[in-house]
Protein backbone atom coordinates (compact mmCIF):
# COMPACT_ATOMS: atom_id res chain seq x y z
CA MET A 1 -0.94 46.46 5.05
CA ALA A 2 -1.77 42.82 3.54
CA THR A 3 -5.20 41.42 4.24
CA GLN A 4 -5.29 38.10 6.44
CA GLY A 5 -7.57 34.95 4.78
CA ILE A 6 -10.18 33.88 7.20
CA LYS A 7 -8.93 30.44 8.97
CA ARG A 8 -11.36 28.03 8.26
CA LYS A 9 -11.29 24.65 10.00
CA ARG A 10 -10.67 21.73 7.49
CA SER A 11 -13.78 20.34 6.35
CA ALA A 12 -14.96 17.43 3.87
CA TYR A 13 -17.79 18.37 1.06
CA ASP A 14 -19.54 15.99 -0.64
CA ALA A 15 -20.01 15.76 -4.67
CA SER A 16 -23.53 17.05 -4.39
CA PHE A 17 -22.19 20.05 -2.31
CA LYS A 18 -19.23 20.69 -4.84
CA LEU A 19 -21.26 21.06 -7.64
CA LYS A 20 -24.07 23.28 -6.49
CA VAL A 21 -20.47 25.64 -5.92
CA VAL A 22 -19.36 24.54 -8.98
CA ASP A 23 -22.77 25.89 -10.51
CA HIS A 24 -22.96 28.91 -8.90
CA ALA A 25 -19.47 29.82 -9.78
CA GLU A 26 -20.25 29.80 -13.29
CA ILE A 27 -22.99 31.92 -13.05
CA HIS A 28 -21.58 34.56 -10.25
CA GLY A 29 -17.70 33.94 -10.56
CA ASN A 30 -15.36 32.20 -8.11
CA ARG A 31 -14.84 34.59 -5.39
CA ALA A 32 -18.88 34.95 -5.56
CA ALA A 33 -19.52 31.34 -5.03
CA SER A 34 -16.51 31.22 -2.14
CA ARG A 35 -18.34 34.00 -0.22
CA GLU A 36 -21.61 32.29 -0.82
CA PHE A 37 -20.88 28.74 0.55
CA THR A 38 -18.10 29.83 2.78
CA VAL A 39 -15.45 27.75 1.10
CA PRO A 40 -11.89 28.72 0.17
CA GLU A 41 -11.67 30.11 -3.30
CA THR A 42 -9.11 27.81 -4.49
CA ASN A 43 -11.80 24.76 -3.63
CA VAL A 44 -13.89 26.48 -6.20
CA ARG A 45 -11.21 26.75 -8.53
CA GLU A 46 -10.17 22.98 -7.94
CA TRP A 47 -13.68 22.00 -8.19
CA ARG A 48 -14.62 23.68 -11.51
CA LYS A 49 -12.10 21.73 -13.05
CA GLN A 50 -13.03 18.34 -11.44
CA LYS A 51 -16.63 18.91 -12.71
CA VAL A 52 -17.07 16.31 -15.22
CA VAL A 53 -15.90 13.37 -12.32
CA LEU A 54 -17.93 14.83 -9.87
CA LYS A 55 -21.27 14.35 -11.95
CA ASP A 56 -20.02 10.42 -12.59
CA MET A 57 -19.70 9.63 -8.68
CA ASN A 58 -22.24 9.06 -5.81
CA LYS A 59 -23.52 12.46 -4.93
CA THR A 60 -23.14 11.48 -1.08
CA LYS A 61 -19.76 10.70 -1.48
CA LYS A 62 -16.94 13.13 0.03
CA ALA A 63 -15.51 13.09 -3.33
CA GLN A 64 -11.76 13.18 -4.48
CA ARG A 65 -10.14 12.69 -1.45
CA GLY A 66 -7.29 11.06 -0.60
CA ARG A 67 -4.43 9.63 -2.42
CA GLN A 68 -4.52 7.92 -5.76
CA ALA A 69 -2.48 4.60 -5.93
CA MET A 70 0.92 4.32 -7.94
CA TYR A 71 0.57 1.06 -9.09
CA PRO A 72 -3.29 0.31 -9.63
CA ASP A 73 -2.57 -3.28 -11.39
CA MET A 74 -0.37 -4.21 -8.67
CA GLU A 75 -2.79 -3.32 -5.95
CA LYS A 76 -5.21 -4.95 -7.53
CA GLU A 77 -3.64 -8.35 -7.72
CA LEU A 78 -2.32 -8.33 -4.25
CA TYR A 79 -5.96 -7.34 -3.24
CA GLU A 80 -7.22 -10.17 -5.18
CA TRP A 81 -4.16 -12.33 -4.10
CA ILE A 82 -5.04 -11.43 -0.06
CA ILE A 83 -8.63 -12.48 -0.63
CA ASP A 84 -7.69 -15.80 -2.47
CA GLN A 85 -5.56 -16.45 0.40
CA ARG A 86 -8.35 -15.60 3.20
CA SER A 87 -10.67 -17.79 1.33
CA SER A 88 -8.41 -20.81 1.11
CA GLY A 89 -7.59 -20.10 5.09
CA GLU A 90 -5.23 -23.35 5.54
CA LYS A 91 -2.86 -21.92 8.06
CA TRP A 92 -5.93 -19.74 9.73
CA ILE A 93 -7.95 -23.37 10.22
CA THR A 94 -4.91 -24.92 11.50
CA TRP A 95 -4.12 -21.83 14.24
CA MET A 96 -8.11 -22.14 15.01
CA LYS A 97 -8.12 -26.19 15.61
CA SER A 98 -4.34 -25.56 17.69
CA ASP A 99 -4.83 -25.01 21.64
CA ASP A 100 -2.31 -22.32 20.94
CA LYS A 101 -4.59 -19.51 21.86
CA GLU A 102 -6.18 -17.88 24.67
CA LEU A 103 -9.76 -16.37 24.64
CA THR A 104 -11.03 -13.25 26.91
CA ALA A 105 -13.36 -13.51 29.24
CA LYS A 106 -16.11 -12.18 26.93
CA GLY A 107 -14.89 -14.99 24.57
CA ASN A 108 -12.71 -13.21 22.09
CA LEU A 109 -9.44 -14.34 20.66
CA LYS A 110 -6.51 -12.83 23.01
CA LYS A 111 -3.82 -11.60 21.05
CA PRO A 112 -1.08 -14.29 19.85
CA GLY A 113 2.12 -14.39 21.94
CA LEU A 114 5.25 -13.58 20.86
CA SER A 115 6.64 -16.91 20.28
CA LEU A 116 3.70 -17.97 17.85
CA VAL A 117 4.28 -14.64 15.88
CA THR A 118 7.56 -15.56 15.34
CA SER A 119 6.82 -18.77 14.39
CA TRP A 120 4.31 -17.38 11.60
CA VAL A 121 7.01 -15.31 10.71
CA LYS A 122 10.17 -18.02 10.25
CA THR A 123 7.69 -19.97 8.49
CA SER A 124 6.99 -17.27 5.92
CA TRP A 125 10.22 -16.67 5.53
CA GLU A 126 11.41 -20.01 4.92
CA ASP A 127 8.71 -20.35 2.14
CA ILE A 128 10.79 -17.51 0.20
CA PRO A 129 13.43 -18.73 -2.21
CA LYS A 130 16.90 -18.31 -0.70
CA GLU A 131 18.15 -16.61 -4.25
CA MET A 132 15.26 -14.08 -4.03
CA ILE A 133 16.51 -13.11 -0.42
CA ILE A 134 19.84 -12.80 -1.60
CA LYS A 135 18.97 -10.30 -4.33
CA SER A 136 16.79 -8.43 -2.00
CA PHE A 137 19.50 -7.66 0.16
CA LEU A 138 22.10 -6.83 -2.75
CA LYS A 139 19.37 -4.63 -4.46
CA THR A 140 19.32 -2.86 -1.52
CA GLY A 141 22.79 -2.24 -0.68
CA ILE A 142 22.97 -4.23 2.18
CA SER A 143 25.53 -6.69 2.20
CA ASN A 144 28.24 -8.29 4.39
CA LYS A 145 31.37 -7.88 1.97
CA MET A 146 33.07 -4.51 3.19
CA ASP A 147 35.63 -4.59 0.29
CA GLY A 148 32.75 -2.78 -1.99
CA THR A 149 32.25 -5.84 -4.38
CA GLU A 150 28.69 -6.11 -4.44
CA ASP A 151 28.19 -2.15 -4.28
CA ASP A 152 27.67 -2.22 -8.19
CA LEU A 153 24.46 -4.71 -7.91
CA LEU A 154 22.84 -2.09 -6.50
CA TRP A 155 22.91 0.03 -10.21
CA ASN A 156 22.60 -3.09 -11.91
CA SER A 157 19.08 -3.67 -13.56
CA ASP A 158 17.25 -6.65 -13.46
CA SER A 159 16.75 -6.67 -17.35
CA GLU A 160 20.88 -6.52 -17.66
CA GLU A 161 21.51 -9.45 -15.28
CA SER A 162 19.43 -11.54 -17.03
CA GLU A 163 21.45 -10.93 -19.77
CA GLU A 164 24.35 -11.45 -18.58
CA THR A 165 23.92 -14.37 -16.77
CA GLY A 166 20.74 -15.74 -18.35
CA GLU A 167 18.37 -15.87 -15.24
CA THR A 168 15.22 -15.12 -15.36
CA ASP A 169 13.13 -12.95 -12.65
CA VAL A 170 13.39 -14.70 -9.11
CA ALA A 171 9.84 -13.61 -8.25
CA ALA A 172 8.20 -15.35 -11.34
CA ASN A 173 10.15 -18.73 -10.12
CA TRP A 174 8.79 -18.39 -6.46
CA ASP A 175 7.91 -22.19 -6.03
CA THR A 176 11.82 -23.08 -6.57
CA ASP A 177 13.04 -25.90 -4.25
CA GLU A 178 15.81 -24.08 -3.00
CA LYS A 179 15.39 -23.20 0.33
CA PHE A 180 17.73 -21.63 3.14
CA THR A 181 18.56 -24.39 5.66
CA GLN A 182 18.94 -23.76 9.39
CA GLU A 183 22.75 -22.94 9.15
CA GLU A 184 22.14 -20.46 6.83
CA TRP A 185 19.57 -18.33 8.39
CA GLU A 186 21.41 -18.31 11.65
CA GLN A 187 24.61 -17.21 9.12
CA LEU A 188 22.36 -14.03 8.18
């Protein structure tokens, strides 16, 4: 008859606790450390692998939890861009100066109405170059042409397209003047 493991509630451990367990495991073994500190043996094995990292981090931090970023450089750039946009705050300041908002009884801002949010979305979409929107739809396979003539665009890489057509990356040329007209927006 197979023995069943002890059911434990999920717990969060800080780095100092993990290091205590690792030190005990190095002297007495993984199973003994598991029993002594009432943690799963798999955790002890993982923490022993992470010992160097655990020593370098803040001892009170719930260490090594959560997913790592897939594109840390891109996320850092995006974060800096968002901070820059917040610091300039032009759209926010314009909205705060307008009378399109209401306050609650305690003086807090009520959430903006649907028409205001849709106007923000529309303004943001109007800032995106027409070519980028079209290319994005084609790359994801979203097309109005039912005959399949645009289906191959999904499988073309950006480098192949730029070699064939002499085009550059649209995202790099964000400030182009070609924008959608109202008529073209309605067709989408």
